[in-house]
Amino acid sequence: MASPSPKSPEQTEKTKQYDRQLRLWGDHGQMALEHGHVCLINATALGTEVLKSIVLPGVGSITIADDKTVSDDDIGNNFFLESSSNGLNRGSEALRLLLELNPAVQGHAVQEPTDQILRENPDFFKAFSVVVATALEDKTIQNLAQHLWDINVPFILCRSVGFLGSFRIQIKEHAVVETHPDNEQTDLRLDVPFPALAEYLDGFDIDGVELKDHGHIPWIVILYKAVQKWQISNTNCWPMSRKQKNEVKSIIEEFIRKDENGIPINEENFEEALRAVNTALMPTFLPTNIQNLLYSSAATNLTKESSPFWIMCSALRNFIESEGKGKLPLRGVLPDMTASTEHYIKLQNIYRSQAAMETEIIYRKVQQIIAQLHCENISEGEVKLFCRHAHDLYLIKGSNIATEHQLGGTVAAYISRYLEEPDVMMVHYILLRAAEMFRSEHCRAPGDWEPEGDIAMLKTCVNKILSDISCSPFPKDDHIHEMCRYGGAEIHSVSAFLGGCVAHEAIKIVTKQYKPVNNTFIYDGASTNTTTFTF
């Protein structure tokens, strides 16, 4: 029996606890999460499910603002409340049990209604990385949304009623450097090789390589040599069409050595070169979306208040216009390939050195801008990360929930357009909004007391919303009947699913990694359908 391997000195209890998520967002993402402070308004079943999935990965602090006392209904659908909690403050009780999940997380409870906090202590919300709210009345939603918009604090509004659920993200501007695309494009610069790469590639003679070394030539070299040979009869041209790429493949097949019987020798590096033709021969260019970012007013008209993202965008634009000659900085990442260790390490160092040199140029430009504007410093690590992911930068410019709830021209036109489609999920959005309006007018959820008697009143709320956007009433009342049948109840399985989704979005916002939903997500638990809308 093999003896157990010694414990790595670098494996701390913390890294073991968070091992899987560190693979998703790295040490710097975990550090950002641990500095995050999330506020939850109302510890409903949905609210506590959101916090559960934020506490477990190790957010720094959570605060629950909830003035409600625990009821039998709460105990029935909320896993983070106990029978002994009945009659006690819901936020404090939920907080006590949530913090048991992760002792590293700090927690606070505020036993005041949201309206009172907004009136008496509006600065309360400035301390948070993101505010999550659920089970609020329409008027409170608008007041809170407007205040958070004004102080530039991200806001996620959640709803869970029966089989329906939704969340809406309100954020003024959110820049993402690490978007983690599913299929990251390789950046090899074979069409415009920089001097060190060109020297390395030109130093190879595939036909002159000994047979024992033939299977260890990096496929990048094979591809480059095949294109060079193809260009002899296609001057000043780069293979773009399928026909042209197939011609390059034919040349690669000609490079493959054959045995004494004329049968091609199976060499994995040449197979890799054939597979890479369609992806690695993409010409180097500046993507339109990145160009739009770099030449936007925020990047060209910097001020002392400009965020580090826009300062780095400005430095990047300057690099592209001068040293970069119209190209983004090199990623410096080499894909895996069959090659000798010597060849692979040398090629890897060539790419890394070029990327490091270009990053250093951009870092110096960033420092010059900071000196001119007299703003906060930007670390070299931030600039390296920015340059490494410059091909996939992403920006969300959000909209105000308060404006959306006023059903103005563009919002009304947007909703109307979707309501024209059959079986569209926009119907659920209307119903959830109508339920909030009903709660504001009657201080209870539709169907909470008399499901049959509330149908007409809920229908009035629905028709008012439809009238505001110049739409005809629903031809059938099936959805209205169903909403009243729910009686405002939360189904835990629906809240658990939606809570996990909201927690993911909150973590994306706090860590500034991965693209968050922009901006409304609707879930129908009965059909298990989901959709997103952008108001």
Protein backbone atom coordinates (compact mmCIF):
# COMPACT_ATOMS: atom_id res chain seq x y z
CA MET A 1 0.00 0.00 0.00
CA ALA A 2 1.33 3.40 -0.99
CA SER A 3 2.02 5.79 1.87
CA PRO A 4 -0.11 8.94 1.96
CA SER A 5 1.41 11.95 0.26
CA PRO A 6 2.66 14.66 2.64
CA LYS A 7 0.34 17.58 3.35
CA SER A 8 1.20 20.58 1.20
CA PRO A 9 2.39 23.51 3.33
CA GLU A 10 0.42 25.85 1.04
CA GLN A 11 -2.91 24.10 1.64
CA THR A 12 -4.42 26.06 4.50
CA GLU A 13 -7.80 25.32 6.04
CA LYS A 14 -9.18 28.31 4.19
CA THR A 15 -7.96 27.17 0.76
CA LYS A 16 -9.30 23.68 1.42
CA GLN A 17 -12.70 25.07 2.43
CA TYR A 18 -12.97 27.31 -0.64
CA ASP A 19 -11.04 25.11 -3.10
CA ARG A 20 -13.79 24.72 -5.72
CA GLN A 21 -14.79 28.37 -5.87
CA LEU A 22 -11.17 29.52 -5.97
CA ARG A 23 -10.98 27.69 -9.28
CA LEU A 24 -13.85 29.86 -10.51
CA TRP A 25 -12.75 33.33 -9.44
CA GLY A 26 -9.23 32.95 -8.03
CA ASP A 27 -7.60 34.38 -4.92
CA HIS A 28 -8.31 37.97 -5.96
CA GLY A 29 -11.99 37.17 -6.52
CA GLN A 30 -12.20 35.54 -3.10
CA MET A 31 -10.54 38.56 -1.51
CA ALA A 32 -13.09 40.86 -3.18
CA LEU A 33 -15.90 38.66 -1.85
CA GLU A 34 -14.44 38.72 1.66
CA HIS A 35 -14.44 42.52 1.54
CA GLY A 36 -18.07 42.57 0.39
CA HIS A 37 -21.00 43.62 2.59
CA VAL A 38 -24.45 42.46 1.47
CA CYS A 39 -27.70 43.87 2.86
CA LEU A 40 -30.91 41.84 2.77
CA ILE A 41 -34.25 43.56 3.28
CA ASN A 42 -36.79 41.07 4.68
CA ALA A 43 -35.72 37.59 5.75
CA THR A 44 -38.38 35.69 3.83
CA ALA A 45 -37.77 32.18 2.52
CA LEU A 46 -36.38 33.73 -0.68
CA GLY A 47 -34.26 36.24 1.21
CA THR A 48 -32.62 33.66 3.46
CA GLU A 49 -31.95 31.36 0.50
CA VAL A 50 -30.10 34.24 -1.17
CA LEU A 51 -27.98 34.84 1.93
CA LYS A 52 -27.30 31.12 2.41
CA SER A 53 -25.59 30.97 -0.98
CA ILE A 54 -23.60 34.13 -0.20
CA VAL A 55 -22.57 33.14 3.34
CA LEU A 56 -21.30 29.68 2.35
CA PRO A 57 -18.66 30.97 -0.11
CA GLY A 58 -17.44 33.47 2.50
CA VAL A 59 -18.77 36.99 1.97
CA GLY A 60 -17.27 39.41 4.48
CA SER A 61 -20.44 40.70 6.16
CA ILE A 62 -24.21 40.50 5.91
CA THR A 63 -26.87 42.78 7.35
CA ILE A 64 -30.55 41.88 7.57
CA ALA A 65 -33.07 44.74 7.82
CA ASP A 66 -36.44 43.31 8.88
CA ASP A 67 -38.99 44.61 11.38
CA LYS A 68 -41.37 41.62 11.05
CA THR A 69 -41.92 38.98 13.73
CA VAL A 70 -41.78 35.27 12.93
CA SER A 71 -45.17 33.74 12.08
CA ASP A 72 -46.36 30.16 11.59
CA ASP A 73 -46.20 30.72 7.82
CA ASP A 74 -42.54 31.75 8.12
CA ILE A 75 -41.68 28.63 10.08
CA GLY A 76 -43.50 26.51 7.51
CA ASN A 77 -41.53 27.68 4.48
CA ASN A 78 -38.23 29.04 5.83
CA PHE A 79 -35.47 26.57 6.69
CA PHE A 80 -33.62 29.25 8.65
CA LEU A 81 -36.30 29.69 11.30
CA GLU A 82 -37.26 27.35 14.16
CA SER A 83 -40.45 26.76 16.10
CA SER A 84 -38.84 28.53 19.05
CA SER A 85 -38.43 31.61 16.81
CA ASN A 86 -42.20 32.22 16.74
CA GLY A 87 -42.99 35.78 17.84
CA LEU A 88 -39.36 36.93 17.74
CA ASN A 89 -37.79 39.28 15.22
CA ARG A 90 -37.48 37.47 11.90
CA GLY A 91 -34.24 39.11 10.81
CA SER A 92 -32.39 38.41 14.06
CA GLU A 93 -33.50 34.78 14.17
CA ALA A 94 -32.60 34.13 10.54
CA LEU A 95 -29.24 35.82 11.01
CA ARG A 96 -28.39 33.62 14.01
CA LEU A 97 -28.91 30.42 12.05
CA LEU A 98 -27.34 31.70 8.81
CA LEU A 99 -24.09 32.61 10.57
CA GLU A 100 -23.76 29.02 11.80
CA LEU A 101 -23.03 28.06 8.18
CA ASN A 102 -19.74 29.99 8.14
CA PRO A 103 -18.14 31.40 11.33
CA ALA A 104 -15.87 33.66 9.21
CA VAL A 105 -18.83 35.83 8.15
CA GLN A 106 -19.87 38.84 10.22
CA GLY A 107 -23.57 39.60 10.68
CA HIS A 108 -25.86 42.40 11.85
CA ALA A 109 -29.62 42.74 12.23
CA VAL A 110 -31.63 45.96 12.00
CA GLN A 111 -35.20 45.82 13.34
CA GLU A 112 -36.60 48.80 11.46
CA PRO A 113 -38.93 49.03 8.43
CA THR A 114 -37.35 50.12 5.17
CA ASP A 115 -39.44 53.28 4.90
CA GLN A 116 -38.24 54.43 8.31
CA ILE A 117 -34.59 53.79 7.41
CA LEU A 118 -35.01 55.80 4.21
CA ARG A 119 -36.54 58.70 6.14
CA GLU A 120 -34.32 58.79 9.21
CA ASN A 121 -30.99 57.27 8.13
CA PRO A 122 -30.60 57.29 4.32
CA ASP A 123 -26.81 57.02 4.62
CA PHE A 124 -27.34 53.53 6.08
CA PHE A 125 -27.25 52.00 2.58
CA LYS A 126 -23.93 53.58 1.54
CA ALA A 127 -21.95 50.92 3.39
CA PHE A 128 -23.09 48.01 1.21
CA SER A 129 -21.63 46.37 -1.87
CA VAL A 130 -25.11 45.32 -2.96
CA VAL A 131 -28.63 45.52 -1.50
CA VAL A 132 -31.09 42.63 -1.99
CA ALA A 133 -34.78 43.17 -1.20
CA THR A 134 -37.90 41.02 -1.30
CA ALA A 135 -41.56 41.27 -0.25
CA LEU A 136 -41.80 45.07 -0.56
CA GLU A 137 -44.76 47.23 -1.52
CA ASP A 138 -44.71 49.12 -4.81
CA LYS A 139 -44.23 52.59 -3.27
CA THR A 140 -41.39 51.39 -1.05
CA ILE A 141 -39.72 49.74 -4.03
CA GLN A 142 -39.73 52.98 -5.98
CA ASN A 143 -38.40 55.05 -3.06
CA LEU A 144 -35.65 52.54 -2.25
CA ALA A 145 -34.68 52.05 -5.90
CA GLN A 146 -34.40 55.79 -6.49
CA HIS A 147 -32.29 56.29 -3.38
CA LEU A 148 -29.90 53.44 -4.24
CA TRP A 149 -29.64 54.74 -7.80
CA ASP A 150 -28.73 58.19 -6.51
CA ILE A 151 -25.98 56.89 -4.20
CA ASN A 152 -24.79 54.37 -6.84
CA VAL A 153 -25.30 51.18 -4.81
CA PRO A 154 -26.27 48.04 -6.79
CA PHE A 155 -29.79 46.79 -6.03
CA ILE A 156 -31.43 43.41 -6.67
CA LEU A 157 -35.23 43.28 -6.27
CA CYS A 158 -36.60 39.73 -5.84
CA ARG A 159 -40.12 38.29 -5.91
CA SER A 160 -41.35 34.77 -5.11
CA VAL A 161 -45.10 34.09 -5.20
CA GLY A 162 -46.43 30.58 -5.68
CA PHE A 163 -44.79 29.04 -8.73
CA LEU A 164 -43.60 32.42 -10.01
CA GLY A 165 -40.36 34.18 -9.23
CA SER A 166 -38.30 37.04 -10.60
CA PHE A 167 -35.38 39.29 -9.88
CA ARG A 168 -34.43 42.67 -11.30
CA ILE A 169 -30.88 44.04 -11.14
CA GLN A 170 -30.49 47.80 -10.92
CA ILE A 171 -26.95 49.04 -11.44
CA LYS A 172 -25.81 52.31 -12.99
CA GLU A 173 -22.61 51.04 -14.54
CA HIS A 174 -20.85 47.73 -14.12
CA ALA A 175 -17.55 46.98 -15.85
CA VAL A 176 -16.34 43.39 -16.03
CA VAL A 177 -12.74 42.62 -16.91
CA GLU A 178 -12.84 38.86 -16.26
CA THR A 179 -15.91 37.73 -18.19
CA HIS A 180 -14.74 34.07 -18.40
CA PRO A 181 -16.10 33.40 -21.92
CA ASP A 182 -17.00 29.79 -22.68
CA ASN A 183 -14.79 29.74 -25.77
CA GLU A 184 -11.84 32.09 -25.39
CA GLN A 185 -10.24 32.84 -28.73
CA THR A 186 -6.53 32.05 -28.99
CA ASP A 187 -4.25 35.04 -29.54
CA LEU A 188 -1.24 33.68 -31.45
CA ARG A 189 -0.50 36.58 -33.88
CA LEU A 190 0.45 34.18 -36.69
CA ASP A 191 -0.77 36.74 -39.24
CA VAL A 192 1.33 39.55 -37.70
CA PRO A 193 4.12 37.84 -35.73
CA PHE A 194 6.13 40.13 -33.45
CA PRO A 195 9.93 40.07 -34.00
CA ALA A 196 10.83 37.40 -31.41
CA LEU A 197 8.07 35.08 -32.63
CA ALA A 198 8.92 35.63 -36.29
CA GLU A 199 12.57 34.81 -35.59
CA TYR A 200 11.61 31.60 -33.78
CA LEU A 201 9.15 30.45 -36.48
CA ASP A 202 11.47 31.27 -39.38
CA GLY A 203 14.23 29.26 -37.71
CA PHE A 204 12.38 25.99 -38.41
CA ASP A 205 12.79 23.85 -41.51
CA ILE A 206 10.10 21.19 -41.28
CA ASP A 207 11.50 19.16 -44.19
CA GLY A 208 14.94 19.21 -42.63
CA VAL A 209 13.89 18.02 -39.16
CA GLU A 210 15.03 14.50 -38.28
CA LEU A 211 12.34 11.84 -38.11
CA LYS A 212 12.73 11.35 -34.34
CA ASP A 213 12.03 15.07 -33.76
CA HIS A 214 9.33 15.43 -36.40
CA GLY A 215 6.53 14.52 -33.97
CA HIS A 216 7.68 17.15 -31.47
CA ILE A 217 7.37 20.25 -33.64
CA PRO A 218 4.78 22.61 -32.05
CA TRP A 219 1.64 22.78 -34.18
CA ILE A 220 1.94 26.56 -34.25
CA VAL A 221 5.11 26.18 -36.30
CA ILE A 222 3.46 23.64 -38.63
CA LEU A 223 0.51 25.96 -39.21
CA TYR A 224 2.71 28.98 -39.82
CA LYS A 225 4.88 27.12 -42.34
CA ALA A 226 1.81 25.77 -44.15
CA VAL A 227 0.37 29.30 -44.49
CA GLN A 228 3.72 30.60 -45.75
CA LYS A 229 3.76 27.92 -48.43
CA TRP A 230 0.12 28.68 -49.30
CA GLN A 231 0.92 32.40 -49.63
CA ILE A 232 3.46 31.71 -52.39
CA SER A 233 0.54 31.34 -54.78
CA ASN A 234 -1.75 33.71 -52.82
CA THR A 235 0.34 36.86 -52.43
CA ASN A 236 -0.67 39.40 -49.75
CA CYS A 237 -3.57 37.23 -48.67
CA TRP A 238 -4.58 35.46 -45.45
CA PRO A 239 -6.65 32.24 -45.59
CA MET A 240 -10.18 33.16 -44.53
CA SER A 241 -12.70 31.13 -46.53
CA ARG A 242 -13.40 27.44 -46.07
CA LYS A 243 -11.83 26.69 -49.45
CA GLN A 244 -8.65 28.55 -48.52
CA LYS A 245 -8.39 26.85 -45.15
CA ASN A 246 -8.89 23.45 -46.78
CA GLU A 247 -5.96 24.29 -49.05
CA VAL A 248 -3.84 24.99 -45.95
CA LYS A 249 -4.93 21.63 -44.50
CA SER A 250 -3.79 19.90 -47.69
CA ILE A 251 -0.35 21.47 -47.31
CA ILE A 252 -0.16 20.28 -43.68
CA GLU A 253 -1.00 16.75 -44.85
CA GLU A 254 1.87 17.00 -47.33
CA PHE A 255 4.24 17.74 -44.41
CA ILE A 256 3.34 14.43 -42.71
CA ARG A 257 6.12 11.85 -43.08
CA LYS A 258 5.39 8.47 -44.63
CA ASP A 259 6.85 5.05 -43.91
CA GLU A 260 8.61 2.82 -46.44
CA ASN A 261 5.21 1.63 -47.70
CA GLY A 262 4.03 5.18 -48.35
CA ILE A 263 1.58 5.14 -45.42
CA PRO A 264 1.40 8.41 -43.44
CA ILE A 265 2.98 8.17 -39.99
CA ASN A 266 0.50 9.07 -37.25
CA GLU A 267 1.95 12.14 -35.51
CA GLU A 268 -0.25 13.90 -32.96
CA ASN A 269 1.24 17.35 -33.47
CA PHE A 270 0.18 17.35 -37.13
CA GLU A 271 -3.31 16.22 -36.16
CA GLU A 272 -3.42 19.16 -33.73
CA ALA A 273 -2.34 21.52 -36.52
CA LEU A 274 -5.15 20.25 -38.76
CA ARG A 275 -7.72 20.75 -35.99
CA ALA A 276 -6.43 24.25 -35.23
CA VAL A 277 -6.77 25.60 -38.78
CA ASN A 278 -10.32 26.90 -38.28
CA THR A 279 -9.63 28.66 -34.96
CA ALA A 280 -5.94 29.63 -34.92
CA LEU A 281 -6.00 31.33 -38.33
CA MET A 282 -8.37 34.06 -37.17
CA PRO A 283 -6.77 37.38 -38.19
CA THR A 284 -5.73 39.78 -35.43
CA PHE A 285 -8.19 42.68 -35.16
CA LEU A 286 -9.69 45.13 -32.70
CA PRO A 287 -13.25 43.95 -31.87
CA THR A 288 -15.97 46.55 -32.48
CA ASN A 289 -17.36 46.29 -28.93
CA ILE A 290 -13.90 46.95 -27.45
CA GLN A 291 -13.34 49.84 -29.86
CA ASN A 292 -16.65 51.38 -28.78
CA LEU A 293 -15.57 51.14 -25.14
CA LEU A 294 -12.16 52.70 -25.72
CA TYR A 295 -13.57 55.62 -27.68
CA SER A 296 -16.58 56.28 -25.46
CA SER A 297 -16.80 59.63 -23.68
CA ALA A 298 -16.04 58.02 -20.31
CA ALA A 299 -12.66 56.81 -21.63
CA THR A 300 -11.77 59.95 -23.60
CA ASN A 301 -12.92 62.58 -21.07
CA LEU A 302 -11.29 61.46 -17.86
CA THR A 303 -11.72 63.29 -14.55
CA LYS A 304 -10.43 62.79 -11.03
CA GLU A 305 -13.60 60.78 -10.30
CA SER A 306 -13.06 58.38 -13.22
CA SER A 307 -12.97 54.73 -12.17
CA PRO A 308 -9.79 52.62 -12.61
CA PHE A 309 -11.56 50.80 -15.45
CA TRP A 310 -11.89 53.96 -17.55
CA ILE A 311 -8.36 55.09 -16.75
CA MET A 312 -7.01 51.74 -17.97
CA CYS A 313 -9.25 51.98 -21.06
CA SER A 314 -7.71 55.36 -21.85
CA ALA A 315 -4.17 53.98 -21.45
CA LEU A 316 -5.08 50.99 -23.61
CA ARG A 317 -6.42 53.25 -26.37
CA ASN A 318 -3.18 55.22 -26.31
CA PHE A 319 -1.18 51.99 -26.62
CA ILE A 320 -3.27 50.76 -29.57
CA GLU A 321 -2.84 54.07 -31.39
CA SER A 322 0.94 54.07 -30.93
CA GLU A 323 3.01 51.04 -29.87
CA GLY A 324 0.26 48.52 -30.53
CA LYS A 325 -0.24 49.65 -34.15
CA GLY A 326 -3.99 49.02 -34.01
CA LYS A 327 -3.80 45.82 -31.99
CA LEU A 328 -4.68 44.92 -28.42
CA PRO A 329 -1.88 43.78 -26.07
CA LEU A 330 -0.88 40.15 -26.45
CA ARG A 331 -2.59 37.77 -24.04
CA GLY A 332 0.61 35.81 -23.56
CA VAL A 333 -1.17 32.50 -23.05
CA LEU A 334 -0.07 29.48 -25.04
CA PRO A 335 -2.50 26.57 -25.54
CA ASP A 336 -1.49 23.02 -24.69
CA MET A 337 0.20 21.12 -27.53
CA THR A 338 2.27 18.08 -28.31
CA ALA A 339 5.88 19.27 -28.39
CA SER A 340 9.22 18.66 -26.74
CA THR A 341 9.66 20.37 -23.38
CA GLU A 342 12.44 22.52 -24.82
CA HIS A 343 10.33 23.77 -27.71
CA TYR A 344 7.23 24.38 -25.61
CA ILE A 345 9.01 26.31 -22.85
CA LYS A 346 10.92 28.43 -25.36
CA LEU A 347 7.73 29.27 -27.25
CA GLN A 348 5.89 29.94 -24.01
CA ASN A 349 8.61 32.34 -22.84
CA ILE A 350 8.47 34.20 -26.17
CA TYR A 351 4.74 34.87 -25.76
CA ARG A 352 5.03 35.70 -22.06
CA SER A 353 7.92 38.11 -22.56
CA GLN A 354 6.11 40.00 -25.31
CA ALA A 355 2.91 40.20 -23.23
CA ALA A 356 4.88 41.42 -20.19
CA MET A 357 6.61 44.10 -22.27
CA GLU A 358 3.32 45.40 -23.68
CA THR A 359 1.69 45.33 -20.26
CA GLU A 360 4.59 47.35 -18.84
CA ILE A 361 4.06 50.00 -21.52
CA ILE A 362 0.35 50.28 -20.64
CA TYR A 363 1.14 50.34 -16.90
CA ARG A 364 3.45 53.34 -17.43
CA LYS A 365 0.70 55.10 -19.38
CA VAL A 366 -1.72 54.41 -16.50
CA GLN A 367 0.73 55.95 -14.04
CA GLN A 368 1.07 59.05 -16.22
CA ILE A 369 -2.71 59.53 -16.28
CA ILE A 370 -2.93 59.07 -12.49
CA ALA A 371 -0.21 61.68 -11.99
CA GLN A 372 -2.08 64.13 -14.21
CA LEU A 373 -5.46 63.58 -12.57
CA HIS A 374 -4.16 63.24 -8.98
CA CYS A 375 -6.41 60.23 -8.36
CA GLU A 376 -5.94 56.95 -6.48
CA ASN A 377 -3.21 54.58 -7.55
CA ILE A 378 -3.87 51.51 -9.71
CA SER A 379 -1.66 48.52 -8.95
CA GLU A 380 0.47 46.72 -11.50
CA GLY A 381 -1.53 43.56 -10.79
CA GLU A 382 -4.76 45.29 -11.82
CA VAL A 383 -3.19 46.45 -15.07
CA LYS A 384 -1.84 42.95 -15.83
CA LEU A 385 -5.28 41.47 -15.31
CA PHE A 386 -6.84 44.16 -17.50
CA CYS A 387 -4.38 43.56 -20.34
CA ARG A 388 -4.73 39.79 -20.11
CA HIS A 389 -8.52 40.07 -20.61
CA ALA A 390 -8.61 43.16 -22.85
CA HIS A 391 -10.19 41.12 -25.67
CA ASP A 392 -13.32 40.37 -23.60
CA LEU A 393 -14.07 43.55 -21.64
CA TYR A 394 -17.76 44.02 -20.90
CA LEU A 395 -19.82 46.97 -19.69
CA ILE A 396 -23.42 47.13 -18.45
CA LYS A 397 -25.16 50.50 -18.25
CA GLY A 398 -28.34 49.79 -16.31
CA SER A 399 -31.68 51.50 -15.84
CA ASN A 400 -33.64 52.72 -12.82
CA ILE A 401 -36.38 50.52 -11.33
CA ALA A 402 -38.28 53.62 -10.21
CA THR A 403 -38.41 54.84 -13.82
CA GLU A 404 -39.50 51.40 -15.00
CA HIS A 405 -42.36 51.33 -12.46
CA GLN A 406 -43.65 54.62 -13.82
CA LEU A 407 -44.23 52.83 -17.15
CA GLY A 408 -42.88 55.60 -19.35
CA GLY A 409 -42.78 55.60 -23.16
CA THR A 410 -39.88 53.25 -23.93
CA VAL A 411 -40.77 50.85 -21.10
CA ALA A 412 -44.42 50.76 -22.17
CA ALA A 413 -43.46 50.10 -25.79
CA TYR A 414 -41.08 47.33 -24.72
CA ILE A 415 -43.74 45.55 -22.62
CA SER A 416 -46.40 45.97 -25.31
CA ARG A 417 -44.18 44.43 -27.94
CA TYR A 418 -43.61 41.29 -25.87
CA LEU A 419 -47.25 40.95 -24.82
CA GLU A 420 -48.20 40.56 -28.50
CA GLU A 421 -46.48 37.16 -28.57
CA PRO A 422 -48.50 34.09 -27.50
CA ASP A 423 -47.64 32.37 -24.20
CA VAL A 424 -45.02 34.97 -23.44
CA MET A 425 -43.42 35.20 -19.98
CA MET A 426 -44.11 38.94 -19.90
CA VAL A 427 -47.58 38.03 -18.58
CA HIS A 428 -45.92 36.87 -15.36
CA TYR A 429 -44.09 40.17 -15.06
CA ILE A 430 -47.44 42.01 -15.26
CA LEU A 431 -48.96 39.71 -12.64
CA LEU A 432 -46.07 40.13 -10.19
CA ARG A 433 -46.24 43.91 -10.60
CA ALA A 434 -50.03 43.83 -10.12
CA ALA A 435 -49.60 41.75 -6.94
CA GLU A 436 -47.26 44.45 -5.54
CA MET A 437 -49.81 47.13 -6.41
CA PHE A 438 -52.52 45.08 -4.70
CA ARG A 439 -50.36 44.74 -1.59
CA SER A 440 -49.79 48.50 -1.49
CA GLU A 441 -53.52 49.22 -1.71
CA HIS A 442 -54.84 46.49 0.60
CA CYS A 443 -51.86 45.77 2.92
CA ARG A 444 -51.96 42.06 2.09
CA ALA A 445 -51.27 39.70 -0.77
CA PRO A 446 -54.05 38.92 -3.28
CA GLY A 447 -55.93 35.80 -2.18
CA ASP A 448 -54.52 35.92 1.33
CA TRP A 449 -58.00 36.07 2.89
CA GLU A 450 -60.61 35.43 0.20
CA PRO A 451 -59.15 34.07 -3.06
CA GLU A 452 -62.44 34.35 -4.95
CA GLY A 453 -63.25 37.81 -3.67
CA ASP A 454 -59.81 39.20 -4.54
CA ILE A 455 -59.94 38.16 -8.20
CA ALA A 456 -61.88 41.24 -9.28
CA MET A 457 -59.60 43.58 -7.30
CA LEU A 458 -56.43 42.00 -8.71
CA LYS A 459 -57.92 42.18 -12.19
CA THR A 460 -58.41 45.92 -11.65
CA CYS A 461 -54.68 46.25 -10.82
CA VAL A 462 -53.72 44.23 -13.90
CA ASN A 463 -55.97 46.32 -16.14
CA LYS A 464 -54.56 49.54 -14.73
CA ILE A 465 -51.03 48.45 -15.65
CA LEU A 466 -52.18 47.35 -19.11
CA SER A 467 -54.02 50.64 -19.58
CA ASP A 468 -50.89 52.61 -18.63
CA ILE A 469 -49.00 50.89 -21.44
CA SER A 470 -51.97 51.14 -23.86
CA CYS A 471 -52.57 47.38 -24.03
CA SER A 472 -55.89 45.53 -24.15
CA PRO A 473 -57.01 43.51 -21.10
CA PHE A 474 -56.08 39.82 -20.99
CA PRO A 475 -58.60 37.76 -23.00
CA LYS A 476 -58.71 35.20 -20.14
CA ASP A 477 -58.45 35.53 -16.38
CA ASP A 478 -56.64 32.21 -15.84
CA HIS A 479 -53.39 33.83 -14.69
CA ILE A 480 -55.24 36.20 -12.35
CA HIS A 481 -57.16 33.30 -10.79
CA GLU A 482 -53.88 31.43 -10.28
CA MET A 483 -52.21 34.40 -8.61
CA CYS A 484 -55.09 34.71 -6.16
CA ARG A 485 -54.95 30.98 -5.50
CA TYR A 486 -51.32 31.40 -4.41
CA GLY A 487 -52.46 33.76 -1.67
CA GLY A 488 -49.00 35.36 -1.56
CA ALA A 489 -47.49 32.09 -0.33
CA GLU A 490 -43.84 31.24 -0.98
CA ILE A 491 -43.08 27.71 -2.15
CA HIS A 492 -39.71 26.81 -0.73
CA SER A 493 -38.44 24.92 -3.79
CA VAL A 494 -39.17 27.94 -5.99
CA SER A 495 -37.50 30.30 -3.51
CA ALA A 496 -34.50 27.99 -3.18
CA PHE A 497 -33.93 27.91 -6.94
CA LEU A 498 -34.42 31.65 -7.33
CA GLY A 499 -32.33 32.39 -4.23
CA GLY A 500 -29.39 30.52 -5.72
CA CYS A 501 -29.75 32.52 -8.96
CA VAL A 502 -29.84 35.83 -7.08
CA ALA A 503 -26.81 34.85 -4.98
CA HIS A 504 -24.85 34.11 -8.17
CA GLU A 505 -25.68 37.56 -9.50
CA ALA A 506 -24.73 39.25 -6.22
CA ILE A 507 -21.37 37.44 -6.21
CA LYS A 508 -20.75 38.49 -9.82
CA ILE A 509 -21.37 42.11 -8.82
CA VAL A 510 -19.15 41.95 -5.72
CA THR A 511 -16.24 40.13 -7.39
CA LYS A 512 -16.68 41.95 -10.72
CA GLN A 513 -16.26 38.66 -12.54
CA TYR A 514 -18.61 36.94 -15.01
CA LYS A 515 -21.43 38.76 -16.80
CA PRO A 516 -24.48 39.44 -14.61
CA VAL A 517 -28.03 39.28 -15.93
CA ASN A 518 -29.09 42.49 -17.63
CA ASN A 519 -31.60 43.21 -16.12
CA THR A 520 -34.81 41.17 -15.39
CA PHE A 521 -35.11 37.41 -14.89
CA ILE A 522 -38.48 35.61 -14.76
CA TYR A 523 -39.00 32.02 -13.58
CA ASP A 524 -42.15 29.94 -13.98
CA GLY A 525 -41.86 26.92 -11.70
CA ALA A 526 -44.94 25.23 -13.17
CA SER A 527 -43.40 24.97 -16.65
CA THR A 528 -39.75 25.35 -15.49
CA ASN A 529 -39.32 28.08 -18.10
CA THR A 530 -37.04 31.06 -17.61
CA THR A 531 -36.46 34.23 -19.60
CA THR A 532 -34.74 37.59 -19.33
CA PHE A 533 -35.94 41.08 -20.26
CA THR A 534 -33.99 44.33 -20.56
CA PHE A 535 -36.13 47.34 -19.68
